[in-house]
Amino acid sequence: MIIGAMNSPKRGVVEEIALFGEMGFDFVEITLEPPAALPERVIANRKAIVDVLHSYNFGVLAHCPWYFSVAHPYERVQKAIVEEFKRAFEAAAALGAKKVTAHTEWMPPGIQERAVMVARTIETVGKLRGFAAELGLELLVENAWASSFSIREFKRLFSEVDVGLTLDVGHASTADGEGVENYLREFRRRIGHVHLHDNDGKRDQHLPLGAGKADIGSAIRALKAQYDGTITLEIHSEDRDYLRLSKDKLEIAWFGKRQHEKNKEYAGGRG
């Protein structure tokens, strides 16, 4: 299990990576969003970003804006969004990322028929997979809620397009999320990355671990039984100390308190 953090796009990318490095994280998941992490700005600042990544021996994953549509009912708008996806992929590849996450459709229901939305999602994801592969990137698709894209619809997507899943534990733990264990049961071999955060058990809030009511302990135990890869703590708090606290909570839940303390002693003695 490898623990990373996601930058706030409101803050400088270099400064965010340095912060995560000092906190002892293993990698950064760069969300390529305005204002500070637009793909154009990331590419222009590539050398400084790569230098700080190397200084902390960090791996890097990439994350596209959650609001990029993959099934927009206006064809010309969707084409423009696909071009923005391509720019994000180029920025991700420039930093050495190997995996990039996109999202399922987020529009409110009623704008287009469900069957049309699902078909357009699959068509767009297929195109995006090809563009990503040309740059050496593996495309992952993140779950949101059943009202956005259900487990049943993910089954169809995965049967038609060879992409992986970014399992968002927080999203799966909302009232409309269909449950972490259900995702693990259906898509264990598809999971290429995990997002972890807490909530009140009803709606998406991206709270620090332990600050909500979602059964994060059970989710971590279920993950540990079937997954041993990258996990990003996607905590949306202005107080960054909650990132450090959430990292400790995840390590204790995964490794046990005694091993967690040994890991801290080892990390403190390096260099």
C-alpha atoms as a PDB file:
ATOM      1  CA  MET A   1       0.000   0.000   0.000  1.00  0.00           C
ATOM      2  CA  ILE A   2       1.415   3.365  -1.085  1.00  0.00           C
ATOM      3  CA  ILE A   3      -0.068   6.619   0.239  1.00  0.00           C
ATOM      4  CA  GLY A   4      -0.285   9.867  -1.723  1.00  0.00           C
ATOM      5  CA  ALA A   5      -2.013  13.221  -1.543  1.00  0.00           C
ATOM      6  CA  MET A   6      -3.781  15.415  -4.071  1.00  0.00           C
ATOM      7  CA  ASN A   7      -2.796  19.028  -4.614  1.00  0.00           C
ATOM      8  CA  SER A   8      -5.192  21.894  -4.171  1.00  0.00           C
ATOM      9  CA  PRO A   9      -5.404  23.607  -7.576  1.00  0.00           C
ATOM     10  CA  LYS A  10      -5.607  26.928  -5.731  1.00  0.00           C
ATOM     11  CA  ARG A  11      -2.000  26.520  -4.553  1.00  0.00           C
ATOM     12  CA  GLY A  12       1.296  26.312  -6.404  1.00  0.00           C
ATOM     13  CA  VAL A  13       2.098  22.794  -7.592  1.00  0.00           C
ATOM     14  CA  VAL A  14       5.748  22.937  -6.501  1.00  0.00           C
ATOM     15  CA  GLU A  15       4.787  24.135  -3.021  1.00  0.00           C
ATOM     16  CA  GLU A  16       2.140  21.422  -2.702  1.00  0.00           C
ATOM     17  CA  ILE A  17       4.573  18.663  -3.643  1.00  0.00           C
ATOM     18  CA  ALA A  18       7.151  19.983  -1.156  1.00  0.00           C
ATOM     19  CA  LEU A  19       4.493  20.035   1.570  1.00  0.00           C
ATOM     20  CA  PHE A  20       3.526  16.421   0.875  1.00  0.00           C
ATOM     21  CA  GLY A  21       7.169  15.417   0.805  1.00  0.00           C
ATOM     22  CA  GLU A  22       7.786  16.916   4.223  1.00  0.00           C
ATOM     23  CA  MET A  23       4.717  15.081   5.512  1.00  0.00           C
ATOM     24  CA  GLY A  24       6.202  11.773   4.398  1.00  0.00           C
ATOM     25  CA  PHE A  25       3.840  10.900   1.550  1.00  0.00           C
ATOM     26  CA  ASP A  26       5.008   8.550  -1.209  1.00  0.00           C
ATOM     27  CA  PHE A  27       3.534  10.215  -4.289  1.00  0.00           C
ATOM     28  CA  VAL A  28       1.392  13.086  -5.490  1.00  0.00           C
ATOM     29  CA  GLU A  29      -1.771  12.896  -7.567  1.00  0.00           C
ATOM     30  CA  ILE A  30      -1.801  16.131  -9.539  1.00  0.00           C
ATOM     31  CA  THR A  31      -5.245  17.399 -10.358  1.00  0.00           C
ATOM     32  CA  LEU A  32      -4.864  19.412 -13.553  1.00  0.00           C
ATOM     33  CA  GLU A  33      -7.255  22.275 -12.834  1.00  0.00           C
ATOM     34  CA  PRO A  34      -7.288  26.068 -12.671  1.00  0.00           C
ATOM     35  CA  PRO A  35      -6.091  28.359 -11.382  1.00  0.00           C
ATOM     36  CA  ALA A  36      -2.641  27.092 -10.411  1.00  0.00           C
ATOM     37  CA  ALA A  37      -2.555  23.682 -12.112  1.00  0.00           C
ATOM     38  CA  LEU A  38      -3.902  24.332 -15.600  1.00  0.00           C
ATOM     39  CA  PRO A  39      -2.165  21.994 -18.065  1.00  0.00           C
ATOM     40  CA  GLU A  40      -0.538  24.969 -19.799  1.00  0.00           C
ATOM     41  CA  ARG A  41       0.888  26.242 -16.517  1.00  0.00           C
ATOM     42  CA  VAL A  42       2.070  22.791 -15.506  1.00  0.00           C
ATOM     43  CA  ILE A  43       3.888  22.289 -18.817  1.00  0.00           C
ATOM     44  CA  ALA A  44       5.438  25.774 -18.624  1.00  0.00           C
ATOM     45  CA  ASN A  45       6.676  24.987 -15.103  1.00  0.00           C
ATOM     46  CA  ARG A  46       7.652  21.414 -15.905  1.00  0.00           C
ATOM     47  CA  LYS A  47      11.309  21.612 -14.891  1.00  0.00           C
ATOM     48  CA  ALA A  48      10.616  23.007 -11.412  1.00  0.00           C
ATOM     49  CA  ILE A  49       7.853  20.448 -10.844  1.00  0.00           C
ATOM     50  CA  VAL A  50       9.963  17.506 -12.006  1.00  0.00           C
ATOM     51  CA  ASP A  51      12.901  18.713  -9.891  1.00  0.00           C
ATOM     52  CA  VAL A  52      10.821  18.757  -6.708  1.00  0.00           C
ATOM     53  CA  LEU A  53       9.291  15.370  -7.582  1.00  0.00           C
ATOM     54  CA  HIS A  54      12.791  13.935  -7.892  1.00  0.00           C
ATOM     55  CA  SER A  55      13.976  15.610  -4.686  1.00  0.00           C
ATOM     56  CA  TYR A  56      11.388  13.622  -2.718  1.00  0.00           C
ATOM     57  CA  ASN A  57      11.644  10.512  -4.918  1.00  0.00           C
ATOM     58  CA  PHE A  58       7.952  10.934  -5.653  1.00  0.00           C
ATOM     59  CA  GLY A  59       5.819   9.014  -8.074  1.00  0.00           C
ATOM     60  CA  VAL A  60       3.096  10.973  -9.845  1.00  0.00           C
ATOM     61  CA  LEU A  61      -0.445  10.219 -10.947  1.00  0.00           C
ATOM     62  CA  ALA A  62      -2.766  12.617 -12.753  1.00  0.00           C
ATOM     63  CA  HIS A  63      -6.389  13.590 -12.255  1.00  0.00           C
ATOM     64  CA  CYS A  64      -8.643  15.376 -14.744  1.00  0.00           C
ATOM     65  CA  PRO A  65     -11.261  17.900 -13.590  1.00  0.00           C
ATOM     66  CA  TRP A  66     -14.375  16.161 -12.253  1.00  0.00           C
ATOM     67  CA  TYR A  67     -16.567  18.559 -14.223  1.00  0.00           C
ATOM     68  CA  PHE A  68     -15.209  17.541 -17.652  1.00  0.00           C
ATOM     69  CA  SER A  69     -18.212  16.020 -19.353  1.00  0.00           C
ATOM     70  CA  VAL A  70     -17.917  12.681 -21.136  1.00  0.00           C
ATOM     71  CA  ALA A  71     -21.488  12.589 -22.465  1.00  0.00           C
ATOM     72  CA  HIS A  72     -22.444  16.168 -23.216  1.00  0.00           C
ATOM     73  CA  PRO A  73     -25.646  16.422 -25.290  1.00  0.00           C
ATOM     74  CA  TYR A  74     -24.090  19.137 -27.491  1.00  0.00           C
ATOM     75  CA  GLU A  75     -21.652  17.466 -29.867  1.00  0.00           C
ATOM     76  CA  ARG A  76     -19.500  20.558 -30.447  1.00  0.00           C
ATOM     77  CA  VAL A  77     -19.187  21.141 -26.697  1.00  0.00           C
ATOM     78  CA  GLN A  78     -18.139  17.523 -26.169  1.00  0.00           C
ATOM     79  CA  LYS A  79     -15.500  17.814 -28.904  1.00  0.00           C
ATOM     80  CA  ALA A  80     -14.073  20.889 -27.172  1.00  0.00           C
ATOM     81  CA  ILE A  81     -13.979  19.051 -23.831  1.00  0.00           C
ATOM     82  CA  VAL A  82     -12.148  16.133 -25.445  1.00  0.00           C
ATOM     83  CA  GLU A  83      -9.507  18.605 -26.630  1.00  0.00           C
ATOM     84  CA  GLU A  84      -9.113  19.785 -23.030  1.00  0.00           C
ATOM     85  CA  PHE A  85      -8.731  16.167 -21.929  1.00  0.00           C
ATOM     86  CA  LYS A  86      -5.915  15.823 -24.471  1.00  0.00           C
ATOM     87  CA  ARG A  87      -4.121  18.866 -23.014  1.00  0.00           C
ATOM     88  CA  ALA A  88      -4.449  17.393 -19.535  1.00  0.00           C
ATOM     89  CA  PHE A  89      -3.038  14.075 -20.790  1.00  0.00           C
ATOM     90  CA  GLU A  90      -0.081  15.895 -22.363  1.00  0.00           C
ATOM     91  CA  ALA A  91       0.667  17.662 -19.082  1.00  0.00           C
ATOM     92  CA  ALA A  92       0.414  14.376 -17.177  1.00  0.00           C
ATOM     93  CA  ALA A  93       2.805  12.654 -19.563  1.00  0.00           C
ATOM     94  CA  ALA A  94       5.239  15.582 -19.370  1.00  0.00           C
ATOM     95  CA  LEU A  95       5.543  14.998 -15.612  1.00  0.00           C
ATOM     96  CA  GLY A  96       6.107  11.269 -16.004  1.00  0.00           C
ATOM     97  CA  ALA A  97       2.677  10.072 -14.889  1.00  0.00           C
ATOM     98  CA  LYS A  98       1.664   6.576 -15.950  1.00  0.00           C
ATOM     99  CA  LYS A  99      -1.989   6.705 -14.897  1.00  0.00           C
ATOM    100  CA  VAL A 100      -4.646   9.381 -15.345  1.00  0.00           C
ATOM    101  CA  THR A 101      -8.163   9.450 -13.908  1.00  0.00           C
ATOM    102  CA  ALA A 102     -11.295  10.753 -15.625  1.00  0.00           C
ATOM    103  CA  HIS A 103     -14.861  10.765 -14.299  1.00  0.00           C
ATOM    104  CA  THR A 104     -18.245   9.506 -15.380  1.00  0.00           C
ATOM    105  CA  GLU A 105     -20.944  11.929 -16.472  1.00  0.00           C
ATOM    106  CA  TRP A 106     -22.058  14.395 -13.799  1.00  0.00           C
ATOM    107  CA  MET A 107     -25.031  16.179 -15.411  1.00  0.00           C
ATOM    108  CA  PRO A 108     -28.364  16.249 -13.578  1.00  0.00           C
ATOM    109  CA  PRO A 109     -30.853  13.631 -14.804  1.00  0.00           C
ATOM    110  CA  GLY A 110     -33.472  14.727 -17.284  1.00  0.00           C
ATOM    111  CA  ILE A 111     -31.109  16.518 -19.664  1.00  0.00           C
ATOM    112  CA  GLN A 112     -30.810  13.449 -21.892  1.00  0.00           C
ATOM    113  CA  GLU A 113     -32.151   9.928 -21.891  1.00  0.00           C
ATOM    114  CA  ARG A 114     -30.190   7.556 -19.672  1.00  0.00           C
ATOM    115  CA  ALA A 115     -29.471   5.086 -22.462  1.00  0.00           C
ATOM    116  CA  VAL A 116     -28.096   7.885 -24.634  1.00  0.00           C
ATOM    117  CA  MET A 117     -25.923   9.173 -21.781  1.00  0.00           C
ATOM    118  CA  VAL A 118     -24.447   5.713 -21.158  1.00  0.00           C
ATOM    119  CA  ALA A 119     -23.748   5.138 -24.858  1.00  0.00           C
ATOM    120  CA  ARG A 120     -22.080   8.542 -25.202  1.00  0.00           C
ATOM    121  CA  THR A 121     -20.019   7.940 -22.075  1.00  0.00           C
ATOM    122  CA  ILE A 122     -18.706   4.664 -23.484  1.00  0.00           C
ATOM    123  CA  GLU A 123     -17.957   6.264 -26.850  1.00  0.00           C
ATOM    124  CA  THR A 124     -16.040   9.172 -25.300  1.00  0.00           C
ATOM    125  CA  VAL A 125     -14.121   6.980 -22.839  1.00  0.00           C
ATOM    126  CA  GLY A 126     -13.072   4.784 -25.751  1.00  0.00           C
ATOM    127  CA  LYS A 127     -11.650   7.803 -27.567  1.00  0.00           C
ATOM    128  CA  LEU A 128      -9.923   9.075 -24.433  1.00  0.00           C
ATOM    129  CA  ARG A 129      -8.332   5.685 -23.815  1.00  0.00           C
ATOM    130  CA  GLY A 130      -6.765   5.823 -27.270  1.00  0.00           C
ATOM    131  CA  PHE A 131      -5.424   9.353 -26.774  1.00  0.00           C
ATOM    132  CA  ALA A 132      -4.019   8.427 -23.349  1.00  0.00           C
ATOM    133  CA  ALA A 133      -2.370   5.261 -24.656  1.00  0.00           C
ATOM    134  CA  GLU A 134      -0.554   7.235 -27.364  1.00  0.00           C
ATOM    135  CA  LEU A 135       1.150   9.179 -24.557  1.00  0.00           C
ATOM    136  CA  GLY A 136       1.964   6.096 -22.497  1.00  0.00           C
ATOM    137  CA  LEU A 137      -0.851   6.708 -20.015  1.00  0.00           C
ATOM    138  CA  GLU A 138      -3.287   4.194 -18.567  1.00  0.00           C
ATOM    139  CA  LEU A 139      -6.788   5.671 -18.372  1.00  0.00           C
ATOM    140  CA  LEU A 140      -8.811   5.007 -15.221  1.00  0.00           C
ATOM    141  CA  VAL A 141     -12.458   5.968 -14.731  1.00  0.00           C
ATOM    142  CA  GLU A 142     -13.647   7.048 -11.286  1.00  0.00           C
ATOM    143  CA  ASN A 143     -16.957   6.066  -9.732  1.00  0.00           C
ATOM    144  CA  ALA A 144     -19.177   8.835  -8.447  1.00  0.00           C
ATOM    145  CA  TRP A 145     -22.742   7.779  -7.582  1.00  0.00           C
ATOM    146  CA  ALA A 146     -25.347   5.439  -9.041  1.00  0.00           C
ATOM    147  CA  SER A 147     -27.261   8.477 -10.291  1.00  0.00           C
ATOM    148  CA  SER A 148     -24.157   9.382 -12.300  1.00  0.00           C
ATOM    149  CA  PHE A 149     -23.064   5.911 -13.415  1.00  0.00           C
ATOM    150  CA  SER A 150     -24.109   2.696 -11.705  1.00  0.00           C
ATOM    151  CA  ILE A 151     -22.248  -0.549 -11.104  1.00  0.00           C
ATOM    152  CA  ARG A 152     -24.404  -2.144 -13.779  1.00  0.00           C
ATOM    153  CA  GLU A 153     -23.384   0.579 -16.224  1.00  0.00           C
ATOM    154  CA  PHE A 154     -19.720   0.214 -15.265  1.00  0.00           C
ATOM    155  CA  LYS A 155     -20.030  -3.468 -16.170  1.00  0.00           C
ATOM    156  CA  ARG A 156     -21.123  -2.468 -19.649  1.00  0.00           C
ATOM    157  CA  LEU A 157     -18.345   0.136 -19.932  1.00  0.00           C
ATOM    158  CA  PHE A 158     -15.666  -2.389 -18.943  1.00  0.00           C
ATOM    159  CA  SER A 159     -17.071  -4.986 -21.345  1.00  0.00           C
ATOM    160  CA  GLU A 160     -16.668  -2.554 -24.254  1.00  0.00           C
ATOM    161  CA  VAL A 161     -13.602  -0.472 -23.338  1.00  0.00           C
ATOM    162  CA  ASP A 162     -10.376  -1.730 -21.755  1.00  0.00           C
ATOM    163  CA  VAL A 163      -9.917   0.844 -18.987  1.00  0.00           C
ATOM    164  CA  GLY A 164      -9.337   0.546 -15.270  1.00  0.00           C
ATOM    165  CA  LEU A 165     -11.236   1.824 -12.243  1.00  0.00           C
ATOM    166  CA  THR A 166     -10.247   4.468  -9.737  1.00  0.00           C
ATOM    167  CA  LEU A 167     -12.291   3.292  -6.765  1.00  0.00           C
ATOM    168  CA  ASP A 168     -13.372   6.320  -4.763  1.00  0.00           C
ATOM    169  CA  VAL A 169     -14.206   4.960  -1.328  1.00  0.00           C
ATOM    170  CA  GLY A 170     -15.852   8.202  -0.204  1.00  0.00           C
ATOM    171  CA  HIS A 171     -18.159   8.303  -3.211  1.00  0.00           C
ATOM    172  CA  ALA A 172     -19.053   4.633  -2.808  1.00  0.00           C
ATOM    173  CA  SER A 173     -19.883   5.313   0.864  1.00  0.00           C
ATOM    174  CA  THR A 174     -22.588   7.925   0.229  1.00  0.00           C
ATOM    175  CA  ALA A 175     -26.307   7.167   0.274  1.00  0.00           C
ATOM    176  CA  ASP A 176     -26.254   6.805  -3.534  1.00  0.00           C
ATOM    177  CA  GLY A 177     -22.826   5.197  -3.718  1.00  0.00           C
ATOM    178  CA  GLU A 178     -23.670   1.451  -3.926  1.00  0.00           C
ATOM    179  CA  GLY A 179     -21.025   0.405  -1.381  1.00  0.00           C
ATOM    180  CA  VAL A 180     -17.282  -0.268  -1.393  1.00  0.00           C
ATOM    181  CA  GLU A 181     -17.624  -4.037  -1.020  1.00  0.00           C
ATOM    182  CA  ASN A 182     -19.962  -4.191  -4.036  1.00  0.00           C
ATOM    183  CA  TYR A 183     -17.362  -2.421  -6.170  1.00  0.00           C
ATOM    184  CA  LEU A 184     -14.632  -4.722  -4.878  1.00  0.00           C
ATOM    185  CA  ARG A 185     -16.713  -7.807  -5.576  1.00  0.00           C
ATOM    186  CA  GLU A 186     -17.533  -6.763  -9.136  1.00  0.00           C
ATOM    187  CA  PHE A 187     -14.331  -5.026 -10.240  1.00  0.00           C
ATOM    188  CA  ARG A 188     -11.429  -6.233  -8.104  1.00  0.00           C
ATOM    189  CA  ARG A 189      -9.283  -6.932 -11.166  1.00  0.00           C
ATOM    190  CA  ARG A 190     -10.100  -3.532 -12.690  1.00  0.00           C
ATOM    191  CA  ILE A 191      -8.995  -1.381  -9.751  1.00  0.00           C
ATOM    192  CA  GLY A 192      -5.895   0.586 -10.664  1.00  0.00           C
ATOM    193  CA  HIS A 193      -6.032   3.264  -7.977  1.00  0.00           C
ATOM    194  CA  VAL A 194      -8.048   4.290  -4.887  1.00  0.00           C
ATOM    195  CA  HIS A 195      -9.266   7.593  -3.430  1.00  0.00           C
ATOM    196  CA  LEU A 196      -9.997   7.733   0.292  1.00  0.00           C
ATOM    197  CA  HIS A 197     -11.909  10.332   2.321  1.00  0.00           C
ATOM    198  CA  ASP A 198     -14.745  10.490   4.858  1.00  0.00           C
ATOM    199  CA  ASN A 199     -18.302  11.862   4.878  1.00  0.00           C
ATOM    200  CA  ASP A 200     -21.512  11.801   6.901  1.00  0.00           C
ATOM    201  CA  GLY A 201     -22.672   8.609   5.197  1.00  0.00           C
ATOM    202  CA  LYS A 202     -25.118  10.527   3.038  1.00  0.00           C
ATOM    203  CA  ARG A 203     -23.313  12.965   0.735  1.00  0.00           C
ATOM    204  CA  ASP A 204     -19.879  13.588  -0.706  1.00  0.00           C
ATOM    205  CA  GLN A 205     -17.830  15.840   1.602  1.00  0.00           C
ATOM    206  CA  HIS A 206     -14.139  14.843   1.320  1.00  0.00           C
ATOM    207  CA  LEU A 207     -13.629  15.023   5.080  1.00  0.00           C
ATOM    208  CA  PRO A 208     -10.503  13.889   6.942  1.00  0.00           C
ATOM    209  CA  LEU A 209     -10.561  10.252   8.042  1.00  0.00           C
ATOM    210  CA  GLY A 210     -12.514   9.934  11.282  1.00  0.00           C
ATOM    211  CA  ALA A 211     -14.289  13.273  10.872  1.00  0.00           C
ATOM    212  CA  GLY A 212     -17.406  11.723   9.341  1.00  0.00           C
ATOM    213  CA  LYS A 213     -19.698   8.759   9.838  1.00  0.00           C
ATOM    214  CA  ALA A 214     -18.749   6.569   6.866  1.00  0.00           C
ATOM    215  CA  ASP A 215     -17.486   3.129   7.889  1.00  0.00           C
ATOM    216  CA  ILE A 216     -13.936   3.812   6.763  1.00  0.00           C
ATOM    217  CA  GLY A 217     -12.518   1.072   8.994  1.00  0.00           C
ATOM    218  CA  SER A 218     -14.567  -1.605   7.237  1.00  0.00           C
ATOM    219  CA  ALA A 219     -13.680  -0.116   3.854  1.00  0.00           C
ATOM    220  CA  ILE A 220      -9.959  -0.252   4.645  1.00  0.00           C
ATOM    221  CA  ARG A 221     -10.221  -3.855   5.830  1.00  0.00           C
ATOM    222  CA  ALA A 222     -12.073  -4.816   2.650  1.00  0.00           C
ATOM    223  CA  LEU A 223      -9.460  -3.034   0.536  1.00  0.00           C
ATOM    224  CA  LYS A 224      -6.553  -4.650   2.347  1.00  0.00           C
ATOM    225  CA  ALA A 225      -7.963  -8.101   1.617  1.00  0.00           C
ATOM    226  CA  GLN A 226      -7.997  -7.498  -2.142  1.00  0.00           C
ATOM    227  CA  TYR A 227      -5.783  -4.520  -3.055  1.00  0.00           C
ATOM    228  CA  ASP A 228      -2.235  -3.397  -2.367  1.00  0.00           C
ATOM    229  CA  GLY A 229      -1.569  -0.383  -4.569  1.00  0.00           C
ATOM    230  CA  THR A 230      -1.734   3.403  -4.538  1.00  0.00           C
ATOM    231  CA  ILE A 231      -4.215   5.237  -2.307  1.00  0.00           C
ATOM    232  CA  THR A 232      -4.688   9.001  -2.510  1.00  0.00           C
ATOM    233  CA  LEU A 233      -6.027  10.820   0.533  1.00  0.00           C
ATOM    234  CA  GLU A 234      -8.376  13.255  -1.184  1.00  0.00           C
ATOM    235  CA  ILE A 235      -9.028  15.560   1.768  1.00  0.00           C
ATOM    236  CA  HIS A 236     -10.547  18.947   0.940  1.00  0.00           C
ATOM    237  CA  SER A 237      -9.587  20.970   3.987  1.00  0.00           C
ATOM    238  CA  GLU A 238      -7.783  24.296   4.177  1.00  0.00           C
ATOM    239  CA  ASP A 239      -6.029  23.033   7.316  1.00  0.00           C
ATOM    240  CA  ARG A 240      -3.403  20.705   5.836  1.00  0.00           C
ATOM    241  CA  ASP A 241      -2.634  19.126   9.208  1.00  0.00           C
ATOM    242  CA  TYR A 242      -5.709  16.982   8.564  1.00  0.00           C
ATOM    243  CA  LEU A 243      -3.780  15.337   5.733  1.00  0.00           C
ATOM    244  CA  ARG A 244      -1.041  14.267   8.139  1.00  0.00           C
ATOM    245  CA  LEU A 245      -3.628  13.006  10.639  1.00  0.00           C
ATOM    246  CA  SER A 246      -5.495  11.060   7.942  1.00  0.00           C
ATOM    247  CA  LYS A 247      -2.238   9.489   6.771  1.00  0.00           C
ATOM    248  CA  ASP A 248      -1.532   8.283  10.316  1.00  0.00           C
ATOM    249  CA  LYS A 249      -5.049   6.884  10.655  1.00  0.00           C
ATOM    250  CA  LEU A 250      -4.768   5.003   7.365  1.00  0.00           C
ATOM    251  CA  GLU A 251      -1.377   3.530   8.271  1.00  0.00           C
ATOM    252  CA  ILE A 252      -2.586   2.426  11.716  1.00  0.00           C
ATOM    253  CA  ALA A 253      -5.708   0.833  10.230  1.00  0.00           C
ATOM    254  CA  TRP A 254      -3.669  -0.929   7.540  1.00  0.00           C
ATOM    255  CA  PHE A 255      -0.457  -1.938   9.333  1.00  0.00           C
ATOM    256  CA  GLY A 256      -1.409  -1.763  13.019  1.00  0.00           C
ATOM    257  CA  LYS A 257      -0.201   0.776  15.553  1.00  0.00           C
ATOM    258  CA  ARG A 258       3.072  -0.998  16.404  1.00  0.00           C
ATOM    259  CA  GLN A 259       4.181  -1.279  12.778  1.00  0.00           C
ATOM    260  CA  HIS A 260       3.061   2.288  12.137  1.00  0.00           C
ATOM    261  CA  GLU A 261       5.349   3.514  14.919  1.00  0.00           C
ATOM    262  CA  LYS A 262       8.241   1.483  13.508  1.00  0.00           C
ATOM    263  CA  ASN A 263       7.604   2.967  10.071  1.00  0.00           C
ATOM    264  CA  LYS A 264       7.685   6.470  11.540  1.00  0.00           C
ATOM    265  CA  GLU A 265      10.964   5.769  13.309  1.00  0.00           C
ATOM    266  CA  TYR A 266      12.482   4.470  10.082  1.00  0.00           C
ATOM    267  CA  ALA A 267      11.244   7.438   8.064  1.00  0.00           C
ATOM    268  CA  GLY A 268      12.576   9.838  10.680  1.00  0.00           C
ATOM    269  CA  GLY A 269      16.004   8.249  10.517  1.00  0.00           C
ATOM    270  CA  ARG A 270      16.424   8.350   6.746  1.00  0.00           C
ATOM    271  CA  GLY A 271      18.959  10.723   5.252  1.00  0.00           C
END
